[in-house]
N, C-alpha and C. Protein backbone atom coordinates (compact mmCIF):
# COMPACT_ATOMS: atom_id res chain seq x y z
N MET A 1 0.55 -1.10 -0.37
CA MET A 1 -0.04 0.00 0.00
C MET A 1 0.64 1.13 -0.19
N THR A 2 0.58 2.16 -0.92
CA THR A 2 1.63 3.57 -1.02
C THR A 2 1.10 4.39 0.25
N HIS A 3 2.32 5.07 0.86
CA HIS A 3 1.47 5.94 1.94
C HIS A 3 1.43 7.49 1.17
N THR A 4 0.47 8.16 1.31
CA THR A 4 -0.01 9.38 1.06
C THR A 4 0.73 10.16 2.22
N PRO A 5 1.58 10.73 1.31
CA PRO A 5 2.01 11.80 2.76
C PRO A 5 1.16 13.06 3.15
N THR A 6 1.21 13.41 4.43
CA THR A 6 0.03 14.34 4.78
C THR A 6 1.29 16.02 4.87
N GLN A 7 -0.10 16.99 4.58
CA GLN A 7 0.87 18.25 4.28
C GLN A 7 1.99 18.65 5.75
N ALA A 8 1.24 18.17 6.81
CA ALA A 8 2.20 18.10 8.06
C ALA A 8 3.64 17.49 7.86
N GLU A 9 3.57 16.37 7.45
CA GLU A 9 4.87 15.22 7.26
C GLU A 9 5.77 16.13 6.05
N ILE A 10 5.55 16.56 4.85
CA ILE A 10 6.15 17.34 3.56
C ILE A 10 6.62 18.63 4.27
N GLU A 11 5.81 19.30 5.31
CA GLU A 11 6.32 20.37 5.73
C GLU A 11 7.25 20.43 6.61
N ALA A 12 7.34 19.20 7.50
CA ALA A 12 8.14 18.76 8.46
C ALA A 12 9.63 18.51 7.72
N ALA A 13 9.17 17.94 6.73
CA ALA A 13 10.34 17.25 5.94
C ALA A 13 11.17 18.21 5.54
N ALA A 14 10.43 19.53 4.66
CA ALA A 14 11.03 20.67 3.80
C ALA A 14 11.17 21.73 4.96
N ARG A 15 10.67 21.72 6.10
CA ARG A 15 11.91 22.42 7.17
C ARG A 15 13.24 22.13 7.36
N ALA A 16 13.26 20.69 7.71
CA ALA A 16 14.49 19.97 7.72
C ALA A 16 15.61 20.19 7.04
N ALA A 17 15.15 20.06 5.86
CA ALA A 17 16.09 19.97 4.51
C ALA A 17 16.44 21.52 4.35
N PHE A 18 15.68 22.43 4.71
CA PHE A 18 16.18 23.62 4.85
C PHE A 18 17.02 24.17 6.24
N LYS A 19 16.75 23.34 6.73
CA LYS A 19 18.11 23.03 7.94
C LYS A 19 19.66 22.74 7.84
N ILE A 20 19.11 21.62 6.80
CA ILE A 20 20.23 21.03 6.77
C ILE A 20 20.92 21.51 5.25
N MET A 21 20.36 22.14 4.43
CA MET A 21 21.03 22.46 3.28
C MET A 21 20.77 24.05 3.15
N PRO A 22 21.43 25.03 3.90
CA PRO A 22 21.07 26.50 3.74
C PRO A 22 21.18 26.95 2.69
N LEU A 23 19.71 27.67 2.25
CA LEU A 23 20.09 28.36 0.85
C LEU A 23 20.63 30.15 1.52
N ALA A 24 20.61 30.83 0.30
CA ALA A 24 21.01 32.17 0.52
C ALA A 24 20.61 32.90 -0.69
N THR A 25 20.12 34.28 -0.46
CA THR A 25 19.59 35.03 -1.34
C THR A 25 21.45 35.46 -2.18
N GLU A 26 21.18 36.41 -3.32
CA GLU A 26 21.93 37.08 -4.26
C GLU A 26 23.16 37.58 -3.27
N SER A 27 22.08 38.29 -2.21
CA SER A 27 23.03 39.08 -1.06
C SER A 27 23.43 38.61 -0.23
N GLY A 28 23.62 37.39 0.01
CA GLY A 28 24.18 36.31 1.20
C GLY A 28 23.79 36.55 2.16
N ASP A 29 22.37 36.82 2.29
CA ASP A 29 21.15 36.69 3.48
C ASP A 29 20.48 35.43 3.49
N ALA A 30 20.65 34.22 4.53
CA ALA A 30 19.83 33.03 5.03
C ALA A 30 18.82 32.82 4.36
N VAL A 31 18.23 32.25 4.05
CA VAL A 31 16.68 31.76 3.77
C VAL A 31 16.57 30.50 4.41
N ASP A 32 15.51 30.84 5.21
CA ASP A 32 14.24 29.97 5.98
C ASP A 32 13.31 29.27 5.31
N PHE A 33 13.22 28.34 5.76
CA PHE A 33 11.55 27.65 5.06
C PHE A 33 10.35 28.58 5.19
N ASP A 34 10.45 29.75 6.13
CA ASP A 34 9.19 30.43 6.23
C ASP A 34 9.99 32.08 5.27
N ASP A 35 10.92 31.78 4.97
CA ASP A 35 11.40 33.26 4.15
C ASP A 35 11.11 32.57 2.43
N ALA A 36 10.80 31.31 2.46
CA ALA A 36 11.13 30.77 0.96
C ALA A 36 9.29 31.03 0.50
N GLU A 37 8.74 31.75 1.39
CA GLU A 37 7.56 31.92 1.04
C GLU A 37 7.34 33.24 -0.49
N ASP A 38 8.70 33.80 -0.25
CA ASP A 38 9.07 34.69 -1.30
C ASP A 38 9.60 34.63 -2.13
N TRP A 39 9.63 33.30 -2.40
CA TRP A 39 10.30 32.19 -3.74
C TRP A 39 9.08 31.09 -3.78
N PRO A 40 8.29 30.92 -4.22
CA PRO A 40 7.49 30.48 -4.39
C PRO A 40 7.91 29.11 -4.97
N GLU A 41 8.50 29.27 -6.24
CA GLU A 41 9.12 28.09 -7.02
C GLU A 41 10.17 27.24 -6.07
N LEU A 42 11.10 27.74 -5.30
CA LEU A 42 11.98 27.44 -4.30
C LEU A 42 11.18 26.41 -3.82
N ARG A 43 10.22 27.49 -2.65
CA ARG A 43 9.42 26.34 -1.91
C ARG A 43 8.41 25.42 -2.37
N GLU A 44 8.02 25.41 -3.74
CA GLU A 44 7.38 24.56 -3.82
C GLU A 44 8.11 23.10 -4.80
N GLU A 45 9.32 23.54 -5.07
CA GLU A 45 10.11 22.56 -5.11
C GLU A 45 10.75 21.50 -3.81
N MET A 46 10.84 22.68 -2.71
CA MET A 46 11.59 21.60 -1.63
C MET A 46 10.38 21.15 -0.92
N MET A 47 9.02 21.47 -1.47
CA MET A 47 7.84 20.28 -0.99
C MET A 47 7.82 19.14 -1.82
N ARG A 48 8.10 19.33 -3.49
CA ARG A 48 8.36 18.39 -4.10
C ARG A 48 8.81 17.38 -3.74
N MET A 49 10.42 17.84 -3.47
CA MET A 49 11.37 16.57 -2.92
C MET A 49 10.72 16.46 -1.75
N ALA A 50 10.60 16.95 -0.56
CA ALA A 50 10.26 16.20 0.84
C ALA A 50 8.79 15.17 0.34
N ARG A 51 8.08 15.66 -0.48
CA ARG A 51 6.77 14.39 -0.54
C ARG A 51 7.22 13.21 -1.11
N ALA A 52 8.57 13.21 -1.91
CA ALA A 52 9.11 12.49 -3.11
C ALA A 52 9.75 11.51 -1.76
N ALA A 53 10.52 12.02 -1.13
CA ALA A 53 11.40 11.60 0.18
C ALA A 53 10.39 10.78 1.06
N ILE A 54 9.44 10.84 1.12
CA ILE A 54 8.81 10.37 2.44
C ILE A 54 7.77 8.96 2.00
N THR A 55 7.38 9.64 0.49
CA THR A 55 7.34 8.41 -0.03
C THR A 55 7.48 7.29 -0.25
N ALA A 56 8.96 7.92 -1.04
CA ALA A 56 10.13 6.27 -0.96
C ALA A 56 10.64 5.75 0.31
N ALA A 57 10.38 6.50 1.52
CA ALA A 57 10.60 5.85 2.83
C ALA A 57 9.97 5.45 3.14
N TYR A 58 8.23 5.15 3.00
CA TYR A 58 7.58 4.65 3.33
C TYR A 58 7.22 3.11 2.58
N ALA A 59 7.65 3.07 1.18
CA ALA A 59 7.56 2.18 0.09
C ALA A 59 9.01 0.92 0.65
N VAL A 60 9.83 1.37 1.32
CA VAL A 60 11.15 0.91 1.84
C VAL A 60 10.91 0.12 3.26
N ARG A 61 9.91 0.33 4.11
CA ARG A 61 9.23 -0.14 4.96
C ARG A 61 8.77 -1.06 4.48
N ASP A 62 8.08 -1.47 3.73
CA ASP A 62 7.32 -2.67 3.44
C ASP A 62 8.30 -3.90 2.84
N ARG A 63 9.62 -3.87 3.37
CA ARG A 63 10.47 -4.64 2.33
C ARG A 63 11.39 -5.27 3.43
N TRP A 64 11.82 -6.21 3.15
CA TRP A 64 12.58 -7.45 4.28
C TRP A 64 14.17 -7.21 3.49
N GLU A 65 14.86 -7.27 4.12
CA GLU A 65 16.54 -7.23 3.66
C GLU A 65 17.36 -7.99 4.27
N PRO A 66 18.39 -8.26 3.28
CA PRO A 66 19.10 -9.72 4.17
C PRO A 66 19.75 -8.76 5.68
N ILE A 67 20.14 -9.96 6.33
CA ILE A 67 20.41 -9.40 7.99
C ILE A 67 21.74 -8.43 7.95
N GLU A 68 22.64 -8.95 7.15
CA GLU A 68 23.54 -8.09 6.79
C GLU A 68 23.58 -6.91 6.66
N THR A 69 22.62 -6.30 6.08
CA THR A 69 22.26 -4.59 5.99
C THR A 69 21.83 -3.66 7.08
N ALA A 70 21.43 -4.78 8.19
CA ALA A 70 20.65 -4.28 8.88
C ALA A 70 21.44 -3.32 10.35
N PRO A 71 20.73 -1.91 10.63
CA PRO A 71 21.66 -1.17 11.79
C PRO A 71 21.90 -1.93 12.75
N LYS A 72 23.58 -1.72 13.39
CA LYS A 72 23.80 -2.40 14.49
C LYS A 72 24.27 -1.41 15.52
N ASP A 73 23.37 -0.63 15.64
CA ASP A 73 23.39 0.75 16.73
C ASP A 73 22.43 0.11 18.07
N GLY A 74 21.88 -0.65 18.16
CA GLY A 74 20.73 -0.87 18.99
C GLY A 74 19.21 -0.45 18.63
N THR A 75 19.56 -0.08 17.12
CA THR A 75 18.06 0.38 16.47
C THR A 75 16.94 -0.65 16.60
N ASN A 76 16.07 -0.76 17.70
CA ASN A 76 14.59 -1.90 17.38
C ASN A 76 14.35 -1.95 15.89
N ILE A 77 14.32 -3.26 15.18
CA ILE A 77 13.88 -3.44 14.43
C ILE A 77 13.14 -5.06 14.25
N LEU A 78 12.59 -5.15 12.91
CA LEU A 78 11.84 -6.31 13.05
C LEU A 78 13.08 -7.15 12.37
N LEU A 79 13.00 -8.68 13.17
CA LEU A 79 13.80 -9.81 12.81
C LEU A 79 12.89 -11.08 12.51
N GLY A 80 13.32 -11.45 11.07
CA GLY A 80 12.68 -12.56 10.63
C GLY A 80 13.78 -13.50 10.33
N TRP A 81 13.35 -14.93 10.21
CA TRP A 81 13.98 -16.21 9.84
C TRP A 81 12.85 -17.63 10.09
N PHE A 82 13.31 -18.66 9.28
CA PHE A 82 13.09 -19.64 9.15
C PHE A 82 13.45 -20.77 10.26
N LYS A 83 12.38 -21.25 10.46
CA LYS A 83 12.67 -22.35 11.59
C LYS A 83 11.92 -23.41 11.66
N ASP A 84 13.35 -24.31 11.25
CA ASP A 84 12.63 -26.32 10.98
C ASP A 84 11.58 -26.23 10.35
N GLY A 85 11.32 -25.52 8.78
CA GLY A 85 10.23 -25.42 7.95
C GLY A 85 8.85 -25.35 8.57
N GLU A 86 9.13 -24.40 9.84
CA GLU A 86 7.62 -23.97 10.26
C GLU A 86 7.48 -22.65 9.72
N GLU A 87 5.99 -21.83 9.83
CA GLU A 87 6.01 -20.61 9.06
C GLU A 87 7.12 -19.72 9.81
N PRO A 88 7.22 -18.68 8.58
CA PRO A 88 8.59 -17.47 8.84
C PRO A 88 8.02 -17.53 10.57
N GLN A 89 9.24 -16.71 11.41
CA GLN A 89 9.28 -15.98 12.42
C GLN A 89 9.50 -15.14 12.67
N VAL A 90 8.78 -13.78 13.00
CA VAL A 90 9.50 -12.25 13.43
C VAL A 90 8.65 -12.08 14.54
N VAL A 91 9.98 -11.03 15.20
CA VAL A 91 9.85 -10.52 16.33
C VAL A 91 10.77 -9.24 15.98
N SER A 92 10.39 -8.40 17.13
CA SER A 92 10.94 -7.36 16.87
C SER A 92 12.13 -7.34 18.03
N GLY A 93 13.79 -6.86 17.66
CA GLY A 93 14.98 -7.20 18.32
C GLY A 93 16.10 -5.66 18.02
N TRP A 94 17.10 -6.07 18.34
CA TRP A 94 17.96 -5.72 17.83
C TRP A 94 19.59 -5.81 18.49
N PHE A 95 20.66 -5.34 17.29
CA PHE A 95 21.98 -6.15 17.57
C PHE A 95 22.64 -5.12 18.71
N GLU A 96 23.24 -6.55 19.63
CA GLU A 96 23.69 -5.41 21.21
C GLU A 96 25.52 -6.11 20.78
N ALA A 97 25.97 -5.35 20.65
CA ALA A 97 27.71 -4.86 20.89
C ALA A 97 28.08 -5.27 21.92
N GLY A 98 28.81 -5.91 22.26
CA GLY A 98 29.23 -6.24 23.98
C GLY A 98 30.91 -6.27 23.79
N ILE A 99 31.75 -6.67 24.97
CA ILE A 99 32.99 -6.41 24.78
C ILE A 99 33.40 -7.89 24.12
N ALA A 100 32.66 -8.53 24.28
CA ALA A 100 33.47 -9.90 23.80
C ALA A 100 32.72 -10.50 22.66
N ASP A 101 31.36 -9.93 22.62
CA ASP A 101 30.51 -10.77 21.48
C ASP A 101 29.44 -9.78 21.30
N TYR A 102 29.17 -10.04 19.97
CA TYR A 102 28.10 -9.49 19.27
C TYR A 102 27.29 -10.67 18.95
N ARG A 103 25.82 -9.94 19.06
CA ARG A 103 24.53 -10.66 18.89
C ARG A 103 23.45 -10.12 18.84
N TRP A 104 22.21 -10.94 17.92
CA TRP A 104 21.27 -10.26 17.48
C TRP A 104 20.02 -10.82 19.04
N ILE A 105 19.75 -9.56 19.74
CA ILE A 105 18.82 -10.02 20.44
C ILE A 105 17.30 -9.60 20.46
N ASP A 106 16.28 -10.53 20.70
CA ASP A 106 14.61 -10.77 20.48
C ASP A 106 14.23 -9.52 21.55
N CYS A 107 12.90 -9.98 21.41
CA CYS A 107 12.26 -8.60 22.03
C CYS A 107 12.01 -9.63 23.90
N PHE A 108 12.22 -10.60 23.51
CA PHE A 108 12.22 -11.51 24.65
C PHE A 108 13.34 -11.43 25.19
N ASN A 109 14.25 -10.84 25.37
CA ASN A 109 16.14 -10.74 25.56
C ASN A 109 16.90 -12.11 25.71
N GLU A 110 15.97 -12.63 23.90
CA GLU A 110 17.12 -13.64 24.03
C GLU A 110 17.98 -13.96 22.66
N GLU A 111 18.93 -14.44 22.67
CA GLU A 111 19.67 -14.11 21.19
C GLU A 111 18.88 -14.88 19.92
N ALA A 112 19.03 -14.51 19.07
CA ALA A 112 18.15 -15.10 17.89
C ALA A 112 19.21 -14.85 16.94
N ASN A 113 18.76 -15.52 15.98
CA ASN A 113 19.60 -15.76 14.40
C ASN A 113 18.58 -15.90 13.16
N PRO A 114 18.68 -14.31 13.32
CA PRO A 114 17.41 -14.02 11.96
C PRO A 114 18.62 -13.84 11.17
N THR A 115 17.68 -13.90 9.62
CA THR A 115 18.30 -14.14 8.36
C THR A 115 18.03 -12.71 7.52
N HIS A 116 16.97 -12.01 7.93
CA HIS A 116 16.11 -10.95 7.39
C HIS A 116 16.02 -10.31 8.01
N TRP A 117 15.49 -8.59 7.89
CA TRP A 117 15.25 -7.70 8.64
C TRP A 117 14.56 -6.90 7.77
N SER A 118 13.55 -5.80 8.53
CA SER A 118 12.59 -4.87 8.33
C SER A 118 12.55 -3.68 9.62
N PRO A 119 12.53 -2.29 8.75
CA PRO A 119 11.82 -1.55 9.66
C PRO A 119 10.82 -1.97 10.60
N LEU A 120 10.38 -1.44 11.72
CA LEU A 120 9.42 -1.14 12.47
C LEU A 120 8.18 -0.68 11.85
N PRO A 121 7.00 -1.16 11.67
CA PRO A 121 5.95 0.11 11.00
C PRO A 121 5.76 1.07 11.81
N SER A 122 4.88 2.24 11.33
CA SER A 122 4.37 3.35 12.00
C SER A 122 3.59 2.93 13.26
N PRO A 123 3.89 3.69 14.20
CA PRO A 123 3.09 3.14 15.21
C PRO A 123 1.37 3.79 15.01
N PRO A 124 0.50 3.38 16.09
CA PRO A 124 -1.08 3.57 15.45
C PRO A 124 -0.59 5.07 15.54
N GLU A 125 -1.91 5.74 14.87
CA GLU A 125 -2.14 6.70 15.09
C GLU A 125 -3.42 7.15 16.23
N GLY A 126 -3.51 8.56 16.77
CA GLY A 126 -4.72 8.83 17.64
C GLY A 126 -4.16 9.10 18.82
N GLU A 127 -4.88 9.26 19.75
CA GLU A 127 -4.73 9.47 21.19
C GLU A 127 -3.94 8.63 21.84
N ARG A 128 -3.17 9.06 22.91
CA ARG A 128 -1.70 8.24 23.40
C ARG A 128 -2.75 8.06 24.88
């Protein structure tokens, strides 16, 4: 299913882009997101790029990747593998790098041997 970015997501991504990729006028004055209203073509292009980036990011969320490509910084992700001809096993987990060992840990705090990984899905929307 294709995710259609909300206006709030697009604007937040465009604002972030302006922060990491500062632009300047011909006179050298910095341009931030709110100033870009004076340059509608620039603002629209940034919004278009933000929309495309968000759509692409959501498309990647539905794919399983080889475990060798998984983040190894403690990020919580989905771990997947096949076990003795059973249905695929899927749990959340993370990579743990200790002093003497490196291993995948599942949400039950047990060692896991995944073959694939995927980012966690977006959390449910609504009140907390």
